[in-house]
């Protein structure tokens, strides 16, 4: 099976003039999206709300920080993306009267080949802070170990891999996304090496 790192296409000029999502909120309290993304189970906070940082048009895909992708709730057949290890949560904005669907990937799989992956480890003399990833400073491109990935798992995060949009999808899930009717140029699928 082939796997891809799922990212927003940040180089696309189509982001110009798009709503920029700010804070993620629950019961009028700001949530830490990094802590939320690190959860290894379904999120029980509902309903979630989002604040608008910069006004603009609604896009078919948007982001919350560098942790979550959200899909416009009006995309037809979005429910066909349901799969093991992924929870889809309504994300509301009262002022815009709009709903995004937050894609929460809660399976974290230990399947990175650290000897072959492209990342920058900490210099030996550098003291790593508690809040920093002990594996390294910067994370570029992982190499996956096939026999550590559960066979029927189509979406997951990489355990101990830091960096933006740590979401891995199978070829099957990629095709499920591409079968939906929206502008796919907002997304990128980076092919990953696997052995």
Protein backbone atom coordinates (compact mmCIF):
# COMPACT_ATOMS: atom_id res chain seq x y z
CA UNK A 1 0.00 0.00 0.00
CA UNK A 2 1.20 3.54 -0.76
CA UNK A 3 1.07 6.30 1.84
CA UNK A 4 1.03 10.09 1.58
CA UNK A 5 1.54 13.01 3.91
CA UNK A 6 -1.63 15.11 3.65
CA UNK A 7 -1.00 18.87 3.70
CA UNK A 8 -2.74 22.07 2.73
CA UNK A 9 -1.26 23.44 -0.50
CA UNK A 10 0.21 26.57 1.08
CA UNK A 11 1.78 27.74 -2.21
CA UNK A 12 -1.62 28.07 -3.90
CA UNK A 13 -2.69 31.63 -4.66
CA UNK A 14 -6.26 30.52 -3.96
CA UNK A 15 -5.74 31.11 -0.23
CA UNK A 16 -5.75 34.86 -0.89
CA UNK A 17 -9.04 36.31 0.36
CA UNK A 18 -10.02 33.14 2.25
CA UNK A 19 -11.32 33.14 5.84
CA UNK A 20 -8.39 32.72 8.21
CA UNK A 21 -9.48 30.64 11.19
CA UNK A 22 -8.28 31.89 14.56
CA UNK A 23 -9.01 30.37 17.94
CA UNK A 24 -10.70 27.03 18.43
CA UNK A 25 -13.21 27.34 21.28
CA UNK A 26 -15.38 25.20 23.54
CA UNK A 27 -17.90 26.87 25.87
CA UNK A 28 -16.25 30.25 25.21
CA UNK A 29 -12.81 28.99 26.30
CA UNK A 30 -9.86 28.82 23.93
CA UNK A 31 -8.54 25.32 23.25
CA UNK A 32 -4.91 24.45 22.58
CA UNK A 33 -4.97 22.80 19.15
CA UNK A 34 -1.56 21.14 19.72
CA UNK A 35 -2.81 19.39 22.87
CA UNK A 36 -6.02 18.45 21.10
CA UNK A 37 -4.15 16.94 18.14
CA UNK A 38 -2.00 14.87 20.50
CA UNK A 39 -5.07 13.14 21.97
CA UNK A 40 -5.11 9.45 21.17
CA UNK A 41 -8.87 9.09 21.49
CA UNK A 42 -12.02 10.77 20.29
CA UNK A 43 -12.65 14.33 21.43
CA UNK A 44 -15.65 14.60 23.75
CA UNK A 45 -15.94 18.40 23.62
CA UNK A 46 -18.91 19.44 21.52
CA UNK A 47 -19.97 21.67 19.99
CA UNK A 48 -16.70 23.29 18.97
CA UNK A 49 -16.59 26.84 17.61
CA UNK A 50 -14.05 28.79 15.62
CA UNK A 51 -13.16 32.46 15.64
CA UNK A 52 -12.35 34.36 12.46
CA UNK A 53 -8.88 35.89 12.48
CA UNK A 54 -9.20 37.45 9.01
CA UNK A 55 -12.54 37.72 7.18
CA UNK A 56 -12.90 36.35 3.66
CA UNK A 57 -14.54 33.72 1.50
CA UNK A 58 -15.26 30.21 2.73
CA UNK A 59 -12.84 27.69 1.24
CA UNK A 60 -13.53 23.97 0.78
CA UNK A 61 -10.54 23.18 3.02
CA UNK A 62 -8.99 25.24 5.79
CA UNK A 63 -6.58 24.79 8.68
CA UNK A 64 -6.45 25.26 12.41
CA UNK A 65 -2.86 26.07 13.25
CA UNK A 66 -0.55 23.43 11.81
CA UNK A 67 -2.46 20.59 13.44
CA UNK A 68 -5.87 20.18 11.83
CA UNK A 69 -7.49 20.22 8.44
CA UNK A 70 -11.15 21.18 8.25
CA UNK A 71 -13.58 20.65 5.38
CA UNK A 72 -16.48 22.90 4.42
CA UNK A 73 -19.60 21.27 5.85
CA UNK A 74 -21.46 21.78 2.57
CA UNK A 75 -19.22 19.38 0.58
CA UNK A 76 -21.49 16.58 -0.68
CA UNK A 77 -20.74 13.02 0.51
CA UNK A 78 -18.21 14.14 3.13
CA UNK A 79 -19.50 11.31 5.32
CA UNK A 80 -17.88 8.80 2.93
CA UNK A 81 -14.51 9.71 4.48
CA UNK A 82 -15.40 7.99 7.77
CA UNK A 83 -12.73 5.43 8.67
CA UNK A 84 -11.10 3.89 11.73
CA UNK A 85 -9.02 6.29 13.83
CA UNK A 86 -10.61 9.47 12.50
CA UNK A 87 -13.34 11.54 14.12
CA UNK A 88 -15.22 14.27 12.27
CA UNK A 89 -16.48 17.10 14.47
CA UNK A 90 -18.75 20.02 13.58
CA UNK A 91 -16.91 23.32 13.95
CA UNK A 92 -19.30 26.27 14.03
CA UNK A 93 -19.08 30.02 13.59
CA UNK A 94 -22.24 31.88 14.66
CA UNK A 95 -21.41 35.16 12.92
CA UNK A 96 -20.81 33.51 9.55
CA UNK A 97 -23.56 30.94 10.12
CA UNK A 98 -21.10 28.42 8.78
CA UNK A 99 -19.90 24.95 9.69
CA UNK A 100 -16.57 23.34 8.93
CA UNK A 101 -15.94 19.70 9.74
CA UNK A 102 -12.77 19.16 11.76
CA UNK A 103 -10.78 16.02 10.90
CA UNK A 104 -9.35 14.66 14.18
CA UNK A 105 -6.83 11.87 13.52
CA UNK A 106 -6.32 10.09 16.84
CA UNK A 107 -4.31 6.99 15.89
CA UNK A 108 -0.61 7.66 16.52
CA UNK A 109 1.51 4.87 15.03
CA UNK A 110 5.17 4.13 15.86
CA UNK A 111 6.30 3.32 12.30
CA UNK A 112 9.06 5.84 11.47
CA UNK A 113 12.45 4.54 10.36
CA UNK A 114 14.57 7.16 12.11
CA UNK A 115 17.79 6.06 10.38
CA UNK A 116 16.36 6.77 6.90
CA UNK A 117 14.01 9.69 7.66
CA UNK A 118 14.95 13.28 6.87
CA UNK A 119 15.00 15.32 10.09
CA UNK A 120 17.50 17.40 12.03
CA UNK A 121 18.40 15.90 15.41
CA UNK A 122 19.48 18.08 18.31
CA UNK A 123 23.21 18.77 18.62
CA UNK A 124 24.67 16.59 21.39
CA UNK A 125 25.60 19.59 23.53
CA UNK A 126 22.16 21.23 23.32
CA UNK A 127 19.81 20.86 26.26
CA UNK A 128 16.33 19.90 25.08
CA UNK A 129 13.50 21.69 26.90
CA UNK A 130 10.49 19.78 28.28
CA UNK A 131 8.19 21.26 25.63
CA UNK A 132 10.51 20.37 22.73
CA UNK A 133 10.48 17.11 20.81
CA UNK A 134 13.41 15.03 22.11
CA UNK A 135 13.93 13.48 18.64
CA UNK A 136 14.97 16.64 16.86
CA UNK A 137 14.65 20.31 15.92
CA UNK A 138 13.16 20.05 12.43
CA UNK A 139 11.23 17.27 10.70
CA UNK A 140 11.14 17.13 6.90
CA UNK A 141 10.24 13.75 5.37
CA UNK A 142 9.58 10.49 7.19
CA UNK A 143 10.35 7.01 5.89
CA UNK A 144 7.82 4.43 7.08
CA UNK A 145 8.25 0.82 8.20
CA UNK A 146 5.51 -1.21 6.48
CA UNK A 147 5.12 -4.02 9.03
CA UNK A 148 4.47 -1.52 11.84
CA UNK A 149 1.38 -0.08 10.14
CA UNK A 150 -1.88 -1.93 10.88
CA UNK A 151 -3.16 -3.34 7.58
CA UNK A 152 -6.66 -1.85 7.67
CA UNK A 153 -5.60 1.59 8.92
CA UNK A 154 -5.98 4.29 6.26
CA UNK A 155 -5.31 7.48 8.26
CA UNK A 156 -2.93 8.07 11.16
CA UNK A 157 -0.39 10.40 12.76
CA UNK A 158 3.25 9.45 13.24
CA UNK A 159 4.28 8.87 16.84
CA UNK A 160 7.12 11.21 17.92
CA UNK A 161 7.16 12.98 14.52
CA UNK A 162 6.94 16.73 14.94
CA UNK A 163 6.16 19.26 12.30
CA UNK A 164 3.15 20.67 10.54
CA UNK A 165 0.20 18.52 9.51
CA UNK A 166 1.37 15.17 10.81
CA UNK A 167 -1.34 13.27 8.91
CA UNK A 168 -0.62 10.17 6.85
CA UNK A 169 -3.21 8.74 4.46
CA UNK A 170 -3.32 5.59 2.35
CA UNK A 171 -3.82 5.57 -1.41
CA UNK A 172 -7.41 4.43 -0.80
CA UNK A 173 -8.17 7.37 1.50
CA UNK A 174 -6.48 9.80 -0.90
CA UNK A 175 -8.76 8.55 -3.68
CA UNK A 176 -11.80 8.91 -1.37
CA UNK A 177 -10.90 12.58 -0.84
CA UNK A 178 -10.31 13.13 -4.55
CA UNK A 179 -13.71 11.58 -5.35
CA UNK A 180 -15.46 14.39 -3.45
CA UNK A 181 -16.72 17.40 -5.37
CA UNK A 182 -14.57 20.37 -4.32
CA UNK A 183 -11.44 22.21 -5.47
CA UNK A 184 -8.65 19.73 -4.63
CA UNK A 185 -5.91 22.27 -5.38
CA UNK A 186 -6.20 23.38 -1.73
CA UNK A 187 -4.55 20.05 -0.76
CA UNK A 188 -1.26 18.28 -1.41
CA UNK A 189 -0.45 14.58 -1.12
CA UNK A 190 3.30 13.99 -0.64
CA UNK A 191 4.27 10.41 -1.47
CA UNK A 192 6.28 8.71 1.28
CA UNK A 193 8.94 6.03 1.11
CA UNK A 194 8.13 2.78 2.86
CA UNK A 195 10.10 -0.42 3.38
